[in-house]
């Protein structure tokens, strides 16, 4: 199954883990999400037999975190953070190291299989998770062993991740949709490819961003840039024209760029 086929069948990305694997399929030897789903289902089955009786929420989270981060051995990749492998969940499972968003997706999927109402939270520069409860949402940081986070801890994360460029707002702790999670995963990978001038890889990530956000201008502008870097002028102009068409307001910079390219 391709990402396009997945999005046609599951536009809300309810099957988040499968979508996260398919979203980075071109960098995998086997993009079939089934083996990854089987591994994570096995984790959840093991954990189901370890849940505390009588039920205690905080003890259950402790069991979940101990299993994933101590027994399975998942951890945040501090040393090679920008390695694209950190964005590919099958490789994260094999290497036991990942980036905040991939570790969060794994944590969320296991938590959901155990009956928790787990959500993703897209802080600037750092992705975390949350669990919906009657009184609100409790937040956790899978990149750092699943530790619990309040507003003070989240604000500190934002400041560290953005070098102080972003000012924390409690609204940043609101959940995002599954589809938005996959968009962020692919965009993170796309930025890494741009930085390393890996234009072939940046082409498929930009194409996946178009598939994920077909009505938005930015993915088409991103792909136009990659096409131009690859010397594909016709394809680049087509995408640039689509970016202008989809823009909510006329972007003078895009229009000027288009006019210069057409003259050249």
Protein backbone atom coordinates (compact mmCIF):
# COMPACT_ATOMS: atom_id res chain seq x y z
CA UNK A 1 0.00 0.00 0.00
CA UNK A 2 1.23 3.49 -0.86
CA UNK A 3 0.71 6.60 1.25
CA UNK A 4 -1.83 7.80 -1.33
CA UNK A 5 -3.84 4.58 -1.02
CA UNK A 6 -3.66 4.76 2.76
CA UNK A 7 -4.98 8.34 2.80
CA UNK A 8 -7.80 7.43 0.43
CA UNK A 9 -8.86 4.57 2.73
CA UNK A 10 -8.20 6.35 6.04
CA UNK A 11 -8.27 10.14 5.54
CA UNK A 12 -8.41 10.82 9.29
CA UNK A 13 -5.33 8.62 9.79
CA UNK A 14 -7.04 6.66 12.54
CA UNK A 15 -4.39 3.97 11.99
CA UNK A 16 -1.63 6.37 12.98
CA UNK A 17 1.21 3.87 13.26
CA UNK A 18 0.55 2.39 9.82
CA UNK A 19 0.40 5.87 8.32
CA UNK A 20 3.67 6.88 9.99
CA UNK A 21 5.41 3.88 8.42
CA UNK A 22 3.94 4.46 4.95
CA UNK A 23 4.79 8.17 5.15
CA UNK A 24 8.51 7.33 5.10
CA UNK A 25 8.14 4.24 2.90
CA UNK A 26 10.69 5.29 0.23
CA UNK A 27 13.53 5.09 2.77
CA UNK A 28 12.59 1.57 3.91
CA UNK A 29 13.58 -1.74 2.32
CA UNK A 30 10.06 -2.96 3.03
CA UNK A 31 7.39 -0.27 3.51
CA UNK A 32 4.73 -2.78 4.58
CA UNK A 33 3.57 -1.61 8.04
CA UNK A 34 2.33 -5.08 9.05
CA UNK A 35 5.59 -6.25 10.73
CA UNK A 36 5.81 -3.03 12.74
CA UNK A 37 2.17 -3.31 13.79
CA UNK A 38 2.81 -6.90 14.90
CA UNK A 39 5.76 -5.86 17.08
CA UNK A 40 3.82 -3.09 18.79
CA UNK A 41 0.78 -5.31 19.24
CA UNK A 42 3.08 -7.80 20.97
CA UNK A 43 4.28 -5.08 23.34
CA UNK A 44 0.69 -4.16 24.16
CA UNK A 45 -0.28 -7.80 24.73
CA UNK A 46 2.63 -8.20 27.15
CA UNK A 47 1.69 -5.01 28.98
CA UNK A 48 -1.99 -5.94 29.22
CA UNK A 49 -1.03 -8.78 31.55
CA UNK A 50 1.01 -6.44 33.73
CA UNK A 51 -1.54 -3.73 34.37
CA UNK A 52 -2.11 -3.21 38.11
CA UNK A 53 -5.07 -4.78 39.89
CA UNK A 54 -6.83 -3.09 41.55
CA UNK A 55 -6.57 -0.41 38.89
CA UNK A 56 -4.27 2.51 39.55
CA UNK A 57 -3.70 5.03 36.75
CA UNK A 58 -0.29 6.26 37.87
CA UNK A 59 0.99 2.73 38.48
CA UNK A 60 -0.21 1.74 35.01
CA UNK A 61 1.78 4.58 33.43
CA UNK A 62 4.84 3.57 35.44
CA UNK A 63 4.51 0.02 34.10
CA UNK A 64 4.10 1.31 30.54
CA UNK A 65 7.16 3.55 30.76
CA UNK A 66 9.32 0.94 32.47
CA UNK A 67 8.50 -1.63 29.80
CA UNK A 68 9.08 0.62 26.78
CA UNK A 69 12.13 2.51 28.03
CA UNK A 70 13.82 -0.03 30.30
CA UNK A 71 12.89 -3.48 29.02
CA UNK A 72 12.41 -2.77 25.31
CA UNK A 73 15.13 -0.14 25.62
CA UNK A 74 13.69 2.69 23.54
CA UNK A 75 15.46 6.00 24.09
CA UNK A 76 15.81 9.45 22.62
CA UNK A 77 18.72 9.70 20.21
CA UNK A 78 20.75 12.50 21.74
CA UNK A 79 23.98 11.76 19.84
CA UNK A 80 22.77 11.47 16.23
CA UNK A 81 19.50 13.38 16.56
CA UNK A 82 19.38 14.47 12.90
CA UNK A 83 19.89 10.97 11.49
CA UNK A 84 16.95 10.38 9.10
CA UNK A 85 16.65 6.86 10.52
CA UNK A 86 15.12 8.44 13.61
CA UNK A 87 12.06 9.32 11.51
CA UNK A 88 11.46 5.74 10.33
CA UNK A 89 9.65 3.76 13.00
CA UNK A 90 10.80 0.30 11.80
CA UNK A 91 14.38 1.54 12.12
CA UNK A 92 13.63 3.15 15.48
CA UNK A 93 12.44 -0.23 16.75
CA UNK A 94 15.54 -1.96 15.37
CA UNK A 95 18.00 0.66 16.68
CA UNK A 96 16.10 1.36 19.94
CA UNK A 97 16.66 5.08 19.32
CA UNK A 98 14.39 7.72 17.87
CA UNK A 99 13.32 11.34 17.74
CA UNK A 100 10.54 12.84 19.88
CA UNK A 101 7.75 12.34 17.35
CA UNK A 102 8.52 8.71 16.47
CA UNK A 103 8.90 7.70 20.11
CA UNK A 104 5.66 9.55 20.84
CA UNK A 105 3.82 7.68 18.08
CA UNK A 106 5.00 4.36 19.50
CA UNK A 107 4.05 5.39 23.05
CA UNK A 108 0.62 6.57 21.89
CA UNK A 109 -0.08 3.43 19.90
CA UNK A 110 0.74 1.15 22.82
CA UNK A 111 -1.26 3.34 25.22
CA UNK A 112 -4.26 3.32 22.89
CA UNK A 113 -4.12 -0.46 22.60
CA UNK A 114 -4.28 -0.59 26.41
CA UNK A 115 -7.43 1.55 26.42
CA UNK A 116 -5.93 4.96 27.18
CA UNK A 117 -7.16 8.01 25.28
CA UNK A 118 -3.70 9.04 24.08
CA UNK A 119 -3.10 12.16 22.00
CA UNK A 120 -0.16 13.91 20.35
CA UNK A 121 0.99 17.41 21.26
CA UNK A 122 3.12 19.39 18.79
CA UNK A 123 5.17 21.75 20.92
CA UNK A 124 7.50 24.04 18.97
CA UNK A 125 10.71 22.08 18.48
CA UNK A 126 9.64 19.06 20.54
CA UNK A 127 6.80 16.54 20.26
CA UNK A 128 5.15 15.06 23.36
CA UNK A 129 2.08 13.03 24.23
CA UNK A 130 -0.96 13.40 26.44
CA UNK A 131 -3.61 11.25 28.06
CA UNK A 132 -7.16 12.60 28.21
CA UNK A 133 -8.80 12.24 31.61
CA UNK A 134 -12.07 13.55 33.03
CA UNK A 135 -10.28 16.52 34.59
CA UNK A 136 -8.10 17.37 31.59
CA UNK A 137 -4.96 16.12 29.86
CA UNK A 138 -1.80 14.83 31.52
CA UNK A 139 1.33 15.23 29.40
CA UNK A 140 4.38 13.00 28.98
CA UNK A 141 7.73 13.18 27.18
CA UNK A 142 8.62 9.84 25.51
CA UNK A 143 11.94 11.25 24.27
CA UNK A 144 12.95 11.51 27.92
CA UNK A 145 11.70 8.20 29.27
CA UNK A 146 8.02 9.12 29.36
CA UNK A 147 8.42 11.56 32.24
CA UNK A 148 5.33 13.54 33.25
CA UNK A 149 5.21 17.20 32.20
CA UNK A 150 3.32 20.16 33.61
CA UNK A 151 3.20 23.63 32.12
CA UNK A 152 6.53 24.60 33.71
CA UNK A 153 8.28 21.57 32.23
CA UNK A 154 6.67 22.11 28.84
CA UNK A 155 7.74 25.76 28.84
CA UNK A 156 11.29 24.71 29.62
CA UNK A 157 11.22 22.21 26.73
CA UNK A 158 10.01 24.88 24.30
CA UNK A 159 12.70 27.30 25.41
CA UNK A 160 15.44 24.68 25.07
CA UNK A 161 14.20 23.29 21.74
CA UNK A 162 13.88 26.71 20.11
CA UNK A 163 16.84 28.43 21.81
CA UNK A 164 14.39 30.90 23.28
CA UNK A 165 12.90 31.93 19.91
CA UNK A 166 9.41 30.70 20.86
CA UNK A 167 7.47 31.92 23.87
CA UNK A 168 5.45 29.21 25.59
CA UNK A 169 1.68 29.51 25.60
CA UNK A 170 -0.55 26.96 27.39
CA UNK A 171 -2.50 26.58 24.12
CA UNK A 172 0.58 24.80 22.76
CA UNK A 173 -0.42 21.84 24.93
CA UNK A 174 -3.62 21.21 23.00
CA UNK A 175 -3.74 17.94 21.01
CA UNK A 176 -3.29 17.79 17.25
CA UNK A 177 -4.95 15.41 14.80
CA UNK A 178 -3.37 12.14 13.68
CA UNK A 179 -3.01 13.54 10.17
CA UNK A 180 -1.21 16.61 11.53
CA UNK A 181 1.17 14.27 13.38
CA UNK A 182 2.11 12.53 10.14
CA UNK A 183 2.53 15.90 8.40
CA UNK A 184 4.95 16.98 11.11
CA UNK A 185 6.86 13.70 10.87
CA UNK A 186 7.37 14.11 7.12
CA UNK A 187 8.18 17.81 7.37
CA UNK A 188 10.86 17.09 9.97
CA UNK A 189 12.41 14.60 7.57
CA UNK A 190 12.04 16.98 4.63
CA UNK A 191 13.94 19.71 6.47
CA UNK A 192 16.77 17.28 7.20
CA UNK A 193 17.03 16.38 3.51
CA UNK A 194 17.03 20.04 2.50
CA UNK A 195 19.86 20.79 4.92
CA UNK A 196 21.96 17.98 3.48
CA UNK A 197 21.07 18.87 -0.16
CA UNK A 198 19.62 15.37 -0.63
CA UNK A 199 17.37 16.48 -3.47
CA UNK A 200 16.13 13.04 -4.55
CA UNK A 201 14.94 12.34 -1.01
CA UNK A 202 13.54 15.86 -0.62
CA UNK A 203 11.46 15.27 -3.75
CA UNK A 204 9.55 12.36 -2.26
CA UNK A 205 9.12 14.04 1.12
CA UNK A 206 7.73 17.14 -0.58
CA UNK A 207 5.44 14.95 -2.68
CA UNK A 208 4.19 13.24 0.48
CA UNK A 209 3.53 16.65 2.01
CA UNK A 210 1.43 17.50 -1.07
CA UNK A 211 -0.52 14.27 -0.59
CA UNK A 212 -1.05 15.00 3.10
CA UNK A 213 -2.05 18.66 2.61
CA UNK A 214 -3.37 18.89 -0.96
CA UNK A 215 -5.28 22.13 -0.46
CA UNK A 216 -2.38 24.08 1.02
CA UNK A 217 0.05 26.32 -0.82
CA UNK A 218 3.25 25.58 1.14
CA UNK A 219 3.80 21.94 0.08
CA UNK A 220 3.61 22.93 -3.59
CA UNK A 221 6.07 25.76 -3.03
CA UNK A 222 8.39 23.36 -1.23
CA UNK A 223 8.24 20.87 -4.08
CA UNK A 224 8.76 23.60 -6.66
CA UNK A 225 11.98 24.57 -4.89
CA UNK A 226 13.19 20.95 -4.99
CA UNK A 227 12.30 20.61 -8.67
CA UNK A 228 14.31 23.73 -9.49
CA UNK A 229 17.28 22.42 -7.54
CA UNK A 230 17.05 19.23 -9.63
CA UNK A 231 16.89 21.21 -12.86
CA UNK A 232 13.26 20.21 -13.49
CA UNK A 233 11.99 23.59 -14.60
CA UNK A 234 8.67 22.54 -16.13
CA UNK A 235 7.62 20.56 -13.06
CA UNK A 236 8.83 23.37 -10.81
CA UNK A 237 6.83 26.01 -12.66
CA UNK A 238 3.72 23.83 -12.51
CA UNK A 239 4.03 23.47 -8.74
CA UNK A 240 4.82 27.14 -8.28
CA UNK A 241 1.73 28.09 -10.25
CA UNK A 242 -0.35 25.76 -8.06
CA UNK A 243 1.15 27.32 -4.92
CA UNK A 244 0.08 30.76 -6.17
CA UNK A 245 -3.41 29.47 -7.02
CA UNK A 246 -3.91 27.92 -3.59
CA UNK A 247 -2.55 30.87 -1.62
CA UNK A 248 -5.25 32.61 0.39
CA UNK A 249 -3.68 35.91 -0.55
CA UNK A 250 -1.49 36.85 -3.48
CA UNK A 251 2.13 36.33 -2.45
CA UNK A 252 4.18 39.01 -4.26
CA UNK A 253 7.37 37.01 -3.70
CA UNK A 254 5.94 33.91 -5.40
CA UNK A 255 4.53 35.94 -8.27
CA UNK A 256 7.87 37.69 -8.78
CA UNK A 257 9.65 34.35 -8.66
CA UNK A 258 7.30 32.93 -11.29
CA UNK A 259 7.75 35.94 -13.58
CA UNK A 260 11.55 35.77 -13.40
CA UNK A 261 11.54 32.05 -14.16
CA UNK A 262 9.21 32.48 -17.12
CA UNK A 263 11.42 35.25 -18.55
CA UNK A 264 14.55 33.17 -17.99
